[in-house]
Protein backbone atom coordinates (compact mmCIF):
# COMPACT_ATOMS: atom_id res chain seq x y z
CA MET A 1 133.32 -181.19 -24.74
CA ILE A 2 130.59 -183.43 -24.56
CA ASP A 3 127.42 -183.73 -22.35
CA GLN A 4 127.82 -187.12 -19.83
CA ALA A 5 124.29 -187.68 -20.36
CA LEU A 6 124.90 -187.91 -24.24
CA LEU A 7 127.91 -190.53 -23.63
CA ASP A 8 125.72 -192.26 -21.51
CA ILE A 9 123.86 -193.43 -24.28
CA LEU A 10 126.08 -193.24 -27.06
CA VAL A 11 127.38 -196.51 -28.90
CA CYS A 12 129.61 -198.09 -31.58
CA PRO A 13 126.90 -197.73 -34.24
CA GLU A 14 129.16 -201.40 -35.50
CA THR A 15 128.91 -203.44 -33.06
CA LYS A 16 126.12 -201.42 -30.32
CA THR A 17 129.16 -201.29 -27.81
CA PRO A 18 129.91 -198.64 -25.46
CA VAL A 19 132.56 -195.42 -26.65
CA ALA A 20 134.24 -193.53 -24.16
CA LEU A 21 136.02 -190.16 -24.51
CA ALA A 22 139.71 -190.50 -26.19
CA ASP A 23 142.73 -189.41 -23.52
CA ALA A 24 144.72 -186.40 -24.82
CA ALA A 25 147.26 -188.73 -26.03
CA LEU A 26 145.41 -190.73 -28.41
CA VAL A 27 144.30 -187.42 -29.68
CA ASP A 28 147.13 -185.82 -30.22
CA ALA A 29 148.47 -189.33 -32.14
CA VAL A 30 145.91 -189.43 -34.39
CA ASN A 31 145.85 -185.90 -35.20
CA GLN A 32 150.32 -185.86 -35.71
CA ALA A 33 149.32 -189.27 -38.00
CA ILE A 34 146.67 -186.82 -39.90
CA ALA A 35 149.16 -184.24 -40.55
CA GLY A 36 151.84 -186.71 -41.91
CA GLY A 37 148.94 -187.26 -44.12
CA GLY A 38 148.87 -191.13 -44.02
CA LEU A 39 145.72 -191.66 -42.03
CA ARG A 40 142.95 -193.23 -43.89
CA ASN A 41 139.49 -193.91 -41.84
CA LYS A 42 137.59 -197.40 -41.80
CA GLY A 43 136.04 -196.04 -45.84
CA GLY A 44 139.49 -196.06 -46.94
CA GLU A 45 139.58 -192.11 -47.31
CA THR A 46 142.51 -190.34 -46.42
CA VAL A 47 141.53 -188.02 -43.40
CA THR A 48 142.93 -184.34 -43.81
CA GLU A 49 141.42 -182.60 -41.29
CA PRO A 50 142.08 -182.53 -37.75
CA ILE A 51 140.31 -183.90 -34.80
CA GLY A 52 139.19 -182.11 -31.90
CA GLY A 53 138.60 -184.92 -29.77
CA GLY A 54 137.41 -188.97 -30.43
CA LEU A 55 135.38 -191.55 -29.11
CA VAL A 56 136.76 -194.74 -28.76
CA ARG A 57 134.84 -198.03 -28.84
CA GLU A 58 134.48 -199.93 -26.01
CA ASP A 59 137.20 -203.07 -27.59
CA GLY A 60 139.46 -199.53 -28.22
CA LYS A 61 139.61 -201.36 -32.17
CA LEU A 62 137.71 -197.76 -33.57
CA LEU A 63 138.07 -193.97 -32.81
CA TYR A 64 134.85 -191.66 -33.87
CA PRO A 65 136.23 -187.89 -34.59
CA ILE A 66 134.73 -185.13 -32.62
CA ARG A 67 134.61 -182.40 -34.74
CA ASP A 68 133.29 -179.02 -34.11
CA ASP A 69 132.11 -180.37 -30.40
CA ILE A 70 130.03 -183.00 -32.64
CA PRO A 71 130.89 -186.83 -32.80
CA VAL A 72 130.93 -187.84 -36.03
CA MET A 73 129.03 -191.64 -35.41
CA LEU A 74 129.34 -193.08 -39.00
CA VAL A 75 131.36 -196.77 -39.15
CA GLU A 76 133.47 -195.18 -42.31
CA GLU A 77 134.71 -191.90 -40.73
CA ALA A 78 136.06 -194.18 -38.08
CA ILE A 79 139.85 -194.26 -37.76
CA VAL A 80 141.32 -197.93 -37.43
CA LEU A 81 143.29 -197.97 -33.43
CA PRO A 82 146.19 -198.95 -32.70
CA LEU A 83 147.84 -196.67 -35.06
CA SER A 84 150.60 -198.14 -37.29
CA ALA A 85 153.65 -196.92 -37.32
CA GLY A 86 152.79 -195.94 -41.32
CA ASP A 87 149.81 -194.01 -39.94
CA ALA A 88 152.00 -192.24 -37.42
CA GLY A 89 154.06 -190.52 -40.53
CA ALA A 90 157.18 -189.32 -39.32
CA ALA A 91 155.89 -189.89 -35.84
């Protein structure tokens, strides 16, 4: 999905710390929360579009979505982790 050379140079734009690919279980949990309609990004907007993957900040607090194989490295588009029970909808 993401070239390793690109992944090696990407960092969180907020903290400048490394990011890593999210595992499938986390991507599934995020997409379930999106489908439930209660997930908001760091900018406060409701997330309505499922993600194809994600990049997790080194401290595990933010996930930057990957859409159409392109990482969206904007702080306000990041999803705060861990997902709370309210974010996961019915899951």
